[in-house]
């Protein structure tokens, strides 16, 4: 039995002639402790897929199973890191994380909560900003808070919906390593949604492309057999990394070309405008 399994999952939006099938016959198995990345184009259905696993929406047909049981609604067992931070603006860094921790561990004493929260704040290098509010933080710092909040809840399954997509390259790279450092402590099962192939290969054990919707399906699995911990500089000289990266990109380019070839091209007739003459 897989730790997380999707069986013939389909999901659509709208009704009648306005109905759009976003996902069709999605089949996926993730084992306990595995780190999987789903890569694909913007608008291919990646967020819909992770929302199904998070329990935020339900499939039209098929099953989404976690530890052998159908997912029904949200649960702190499945923690999600969103792209848009989702922080409460009136709370400090410490309080945003503490609120989540108190919800998951209601029997913990105040001292235990304080040590736990401060520990995760330190892990994302924000101890100096623990008592600042989100408006006082940069985008990268806000995302660090979101990462710490989710991981501090100790979810059994970590879901990441393009959490680093809005960050600059340097901040993104630093946060990738911080997430991996925290993940490596107990290696919880993790699913990353991303449109960055390099990010997927660097962070995951397995990368799976998502063919673009409508009726999106999963493509072939690429096993990332590269030893951990991984160093980005060393990976640039790793032949296996280059082969995997190029293979995934070539596959995405092929399905992208197929998608473009099947799309109708709209043409527009421009008005015949005459520039105004001024004396």
Protein backbone atom coordinates (compact mmCIF):
# COMPACT_ATOMS: atom_id res chain seq x y z
CA UNK A 1 0.00 0.00 0.00
CA UNK A 2 1.42 3.36 -1.04
CA UNK A 3 1.60 6.16 1.53
CA UNK A 4 -0.23 8.49 -0.88
CA UNK A 5 -2.13 7.18 -3.88
CA UNK A 6 -4.32 8.72 -6.56
CA UNK A 7 -6.47 6.28 -8.52
CA UNK A 8 -8.01 7.40 -11.82
CA UNK A 9 -8.66 10.88 -10.44
CA UNK A 10 -10.61 13.31 -12.63
CA UNK A 11 -11.47 16.91 -11.86
CA UNK A 12 -13.37 19.50 -13.87
CA UNK A 13 -14.75 23.00 -13.38
CA UNK A 14 -17.93 24.55 -14.76
CA UNK A 15 -21.07 22.90 -16.10
CA UNK A 16 -22.58 22.03 -19.46
CA UNK A 17 -20.85 23.54 -22.47
CA UNK A 18 -18.71 25.62 -20.10
CA UNK A 19 -17.32 22.52 -18.38
CA UNK A 20 -13.53 22.13 -18.55
CA UNK A 21 -11.84 18.85 -17.64
CA UNK A 22 -8.66 19.96 -15.89
CA UNK A 23 -7.33 16.56 -14.76
CA UNK A 24 -8.17 13.19 -16.29
CA UNK A 25 -7.24 9.71 -15.05
CA UNK A 26 -4.45 10.81 -12.73
CA UNK A 27 -2.65 7.82 -11.23
CA UNK A 28 0.15 8.41 -8.74
CA UNK A 29 1.86 6.48 -5.95
CA UNK A 30 4.22 8.04 -3.41
CA UNK A 31 5.96 5.91 -0.79
CA UNK A 32 6.57 6.99 2.80
CA UNK A 33 9.64 9.20 3.11
CA UNK A 34 9.80 9.88 -0.62
CA UNK A 35 10.28 13.39 -2.01
CA UNK A 36 8.44 13.81 -5.32
CA UNK A 37 8.29 16.85 -7.60
CA UNK A 38 5.55 17.48 -10.17
CA UNK A 39 6.74 19.85 -12.91
CA UNK A 40 4.69 21.46 -15.63
CA UNK A 41 3.63 24.60 -17.43
CA UNK A 42 1.59 27.37 -15.84
CA UNK A 43 -2.09 26.51 -16.16
CA UNK A 44 -1.50 22.78 -16.59
CA UNK A 45 -3.47 21.81 -13.47
CA UNK A 46 -0.68 21.52 -10.88
CA UNK A 47 -2.47 23.57 -8.21
CA UNK A 48 -5.70 21.64 -8.77
CA UNK A 49 -3.75 18.43 -8.20
CA UNK A 50 -2.23 19.57 -4.92
CA UNK A 51 -5.55 21.02 -3.71
CA UNK A 52 -7.10 17.56 -4.17
CA UNK A 53 -4.37 16.01 -2.03
CA UNK A 54 -4.69 18.75 0.58
CA UNK A 55 -8.42 18.07 0.80
CA UNK A 56 -9.37 21.60 -0.24
CA UNK A 57 -11.44 20.23 -3.15
CA UNK A 58 -12.87 16.82 -4.06
CA UNK A 59 -12.40 14.82 -7.27
CA UNK A 60 -15.29 14.31 -9.68
CA UNK A 61 -14.33 10.65 -9.85
CA UNK A 62 -11.54 8.40 -8.70
CA UNK A 63 -9.91 8.22 -5.27
CA UNK A 64 -7.28 10.16 -3.36
CA UNK A 65 -5.94 7.90 -0.59
CA UNK A 66 -3.64 8.82 2.30
CA UNK A 67 -2.32 5.87 4.29
CA UNK A 68 -4.95 3.72 2.59
CA UNK A 69 -7.95 5.91 3.53
CA UNK A 70 -9.87 8.37 1.32
CA UNK A 71 -8.99 12.00 1.97
CA UNK A 72 -11.99 13.90 3.32
CA UNK A 73 -11.32 17.55 3.99
CA UNK A 74 -8.18 19.19 5.30
CA UNK A 75 -5.98 17.86 8.09
CA UNK A 76 -2.81 18.97 9.88
CA UNK A 77 -1.39 15.59 8.86
CA UNK A 78 -1.06 17.14 5.40
CA UNK A 79 0.63 20.52 5.76
CA UNK A 80 0.75 22.84 2.76
CA UNK A 81 3.11 25.70 1.94
CA UNK A 82 1.37 28.15 -0.40
CA UNK A 83 3.01 30.50 -2.88
CA UNK A 84 1.27 33.58 -1.45
CA UNK A 85 2.54 33.21 2.17
CA UNK A 86 -0.99 33.31 3.73
CA UNK A 87 0.24 35.00 6.91
CA UNK A 88 -2.00 36.85 9.33
CA UNK A 89 -0.88 40.50 9.02
CA UNK A 90 -1.72 41.47 12.62
CA UNK A 91 0.46 38.73 14.13
CA UNK A 92 4.23 38.65 14.51
CA UNK A 93 6.50 36.01 12.98
CA UNK A 94 6.49 34.15 16.30
CA UNK A 95 2.71 34.37 16.75
CA UNK A 96 1.94 33.24 13.17
CA UNK A 97 3.90 30.06 13.80
CA UNK A 98 2.80 29.61 17.42
CA UNK A 99 -0.88 29.77 16.49
CA UNK A 100 -0.45 26.81 14.12
CA UNK A 101 1.60 24.85 16.66
CA UNK A 102 -0.99 25.39 19.42
CA UNK A 103 -3.73 24.11 17.10
CA UNK A 104 -1.86 20.88 16.34
CA UNK A 105 -0.45 20.33 19.85
CA UNK A 106 -3.12 21.68 22.25
CA UNK A 107 -1.68 19.80 25.25
CA UNK A 108 1.77 21.33 25.03
CA UNK A 109 2.84 23.69 27.79
CA UNK A 110 3.80 27.30 27.06
CA UNK A 111 7.53 26.63 27.54
CA UNK A 112 7.42 23.66 25.18
CA UNK A 113 5.64 25.73 22.51
CA UNK A 114 8.10 28.60 22.92
CA UNK A 115 11.15 26.35 22.47
CA UNK A 116 9.60 24.56 19.50
CA UNK A 117 8.57 27.75 17.69
CA UNK A 118 11.86 29.53 18.33
CA UNK A 119 13.70 26.45 17.09
CA UNK A 120 11.97 26.57 13.72
CA UNK A 121 12.38 30.34 13.48
CA UNK A 122 16.11 29.79 13.92
CA UNK A 123 16.14 27.06 11.26
CA UNK A 124 14.92 29.55 8.66
CA UNK A 125 17.31 32.25 9.92
CA UNK A 126 14.66 34.65 11.23
CA UNK A 127 15.50 34.83 14.94
CA UNK A 128 16.31 38.53 14.55
CA UNK A 129 12.81 39.15 13.14
CA UNK A 130 10.73 36.97 15.46
CA UNK A 131 8.71 39.91 16.78
CA UNK A 132 8.19 41.68 13.46
CA UNK A 133 4.91 41.64 11.54
CA UNK A 134 4.60 40.55 7.88
CA UNK A 135 4.48 44.14 6.58
CA UNK A 136 7.96 44.65 8.01
CA UNK A 137 9.41 41.67 6.13
CA UNK A 138 10.64 41.15 2.58
CA UNK A 139 8.98 38.61 0.31
CA UNK A 140 11.71 36.07 0.99
CA UNK A 141 11.39 36.52 4.75
CA UNK A 142 7.61 36.09 4.59
CA UNK A 143 8.04 32.84 2.71
CA UNK A 144 10.52 31.69 5.36
CA UNK A 145 7.79 32.25 7.95
CA UNK A 146 5.33 30.22 5.85
CA UNK A 147 7.87 27.40 5.54
CA UNK A 148 8.61 27.41 9.28
CA UNK A 149 4.91 27.49 10.17
CA UNK A 150 4.07 24.44 8.08
CA UNK A 151 7.09 22.39 9.10
CA UNK A 152 6.67 23.30 12.77
CA UNK A 153 3.30 21.51 12.66
CA UNK A 154 5.23 18.30 11.90
CA UNK A 155 2.90 17.15 9.10
CA UNK A 156 3.21 13.57 7.95
CA UNK A 157 2.93 14.78 4.35
CA UNK A 158 4.47 18.10 3.27
CA UNK A 159 2.76 19.71 0.29
CA UNK A 160 4.42 22.63 -1.51
CA UNK A 161 2.51 24.57 -4.16
CA UNK A 162 5.24 26.49 -6.00
CA UNK A 163 6.29 28.07 -2.69
CA UNK A 164 9.37 29.74 -4.15
CA UNK A 165 8.00 30.83 -7.51
CA UNK A 166 7.69 34.53 -6.68
CA UNK A 167 11.19 34.92 -5.24
CA UNK A 168 14.38 36.15 -6.84
CA UNK A 169 16.94 33.54 -7.90
CA UNK A 170 19.30 34.02 -4.94
CA UNK A 171 16.57 33.93 -2.30
CA UNK A 172 14.96 30.98 -4.04
CA UNK A 173 18.21 29.02 -4.02
CA UNK A 174 18.82 29.72 -0.33
CA UNK A 175 15.30 28.66 0.63
CA UNK A 176 15.59 25.45 -1.38
CA UNK A 177 18.56 24.47 0.74
CA UNK A 178 16.86 25.53 3.99
CA UNK A 179 13.79 23.42 3.18
CA UNK A 180 16.01 20.44 2.35
CA UNK A 181 18.03 20.85 5.56
CA UNK A 182 14.86 20.79 7.68
CA UNK A 183 13.33 17.96 5.62
CA UNK A 184 16.47 15.83 5.97
CA UNK A 185 16.11 15.74 9.77
CA UNK A 186 13.25 13.23 9.64
CA UNK A 187 12.61 12.89 5.89
CA UNK A 188 8.84 13.25 5.95
CA UNK A 189 7.00 12.43 2.75
CA UNK A 190 7.00 15.51 0.51
CA UNK A 191 5.33 16.61 -2.72
CA UNK A 192 6.62 19.70 -4.51
CA UNK A 193 4.73 21.46 -7.30
CA UNK A 194 7.03 23.56 -9.46
CA UNK A 195 7.59 24.88 -12.98
CA UNK A 196 11.37 24.91 -12.45
CA UNK A 197 13.02 21.70 -13.69
CA UNK A 198 16.33 22.47 -11.95
CA UNK A 199 14.50 22.94 -8.65
CA UNK A 200 12.71 19.61 -9.04
CA UNK A 201 15.89 17.68 -9.87
CA UNK A 202 17.85 19.37 -7.06
CA UNK A 203 15.26 18.75 -4.34
CA UNK A 204 13.39 15.56 -5.20
CA UNK A 205 13.91 11.79 -5.38
CA UNK A 206 11.59 11.60 -8.36
CA UNK A 207 10.35 14.15 -10.93
CA UNK A 208 7.08 13.62 -12.82
CA UNK A 209 5.96 15.98 -15.60
CA UNK A 210 2.30 16.95 -15.82
CA UNK A 211 1.01 17.07 -19.36
CA UNK A 212 -0.88 20.37 -19.91
CA UNK A 213 -4.64 20.50 -19.53
CA UNK A 214 -7.38 20.36 -20.38
CA UNK A 215 -7.54 16.66 -19.50
CA UNK A 216 -4.05 16.81 -18.02
CA UNK A 217 -2.33 13.52 -17.26
CA UNK A 218 0.96 12.57 -15.65
CA UNK A 219 3.94 11.76 -17.84
CA UNK A 220 6.83 9.33 -17.22
CA UNK A 221 8.67 9.24 -13.91
CA UNK A 222 12.30 10.37 -13.79
CA UNK A 223 14.22 8.81 -10.88
CA UNK A 224 16.80 11.21 -9.46
CA UNK A 225 19.57 8.83 -8.42
CA UNK A 226 21.91 11.48 -7.08
CA UNK A 227 23.33 11.13 -3.57
CA UNK A 228 22.29 13.52 -0.82
CA UNK A 229 23.19 16.06 0.41
CA UNK A 230 23.40 17.76 -2.97
CA UNK A 231 25.59 20.71 -3.81
CA UNK A 232 24.44 22.96 -6.65
CA UNK A 233 27.95 23.78 -7.79
CA UNK A 234 28.88 20.10 -7.92
CA UNK A 235 25.65 19.26 -9.78
CA UNK A 236 26.69 21.52 -12.65
CA UNK A 237 29.51 19.05 -13.30
CA UNK A 238 27.43 15.92 -12.66
CA UNK A 239 26.73 14.02 -15.89
CA UNK A 240 23.71 12.26 -14.37
CA UNK A 241 22.19 15.62 -13.37
CA UNK A 242 22.73 17.00 -16.87
CA UNK A 243 21.17 13.92 -18.46
CA UNK A 244 18.10 14.00 -16.20
CA UNK A 245 17.63 17.76 -16.58
CA UNK A 246 17.90 17.63 -20.36
CA UNK A 247 15.59 14.62 -20.56
CA UNK A 248 12.85 16.33 -18.56
CA UNK A 249 13.18 19.60 -20.48
CA UNK A 250 13.06 17.79 -23.84
CA UNK A 251 9.92 15.95 -22.75
CA UNK A 252 8.26 19.20 -21.65
CA UNK A 253 9.22 20.87 -24.91
CA UNK A 254 7.70 17.99 -26.89
CA UNK A 255 4.38 18.09 -25.06
CA UNK A 256 4.42 21.89 -25.25
CA UNK A 257 4.81 21.69 -29.02
CA UNK A 258 1.95 19.16 -29.20
CA UNK A 259 -0.26 21.50 -27.19
CA UNK A 260 0.56 24.49 -29.40
CA UNK A 261 -0.06 22.49 -32.57
CA UNK A 262 -3.56 21.60 -31.38
CA UNK A 263 -4.57 25.13 -30.47
CA UNK A 264 -6.61 27.37 -32.73
CA UNK A 265 -4.79 30.51 -33.73
CA UNK A 266 -6.97 33.62 -33.59
CA UNK A 267 -6.47 36.32 -36.21
CA UNK A 268 -7.48 39.92 -35.87
CA UNK A 269 -7.99 42.56 -38.51
CA UNK A 270 -6.48 45.85 -37.43
CA UNK A 271 -8.30 49.10 -38.28
CA UNK A 272 -6.85 51.28 -41.03
CA UNK A 273 -5.67 54.25 -38.99
CA UNK A 274 -4.39 57.51 -40.43
CA UNK A 275 -2.13 59.63 -38.23
CA UNK A 276 -3.54 63.02 -37.32
CA UNK A 277 -1.84 65.97 -38.97
CA UNK A 278 -1.09 69.04 -36.89
CA UNK A 279 -0.27 72.41 -38.46
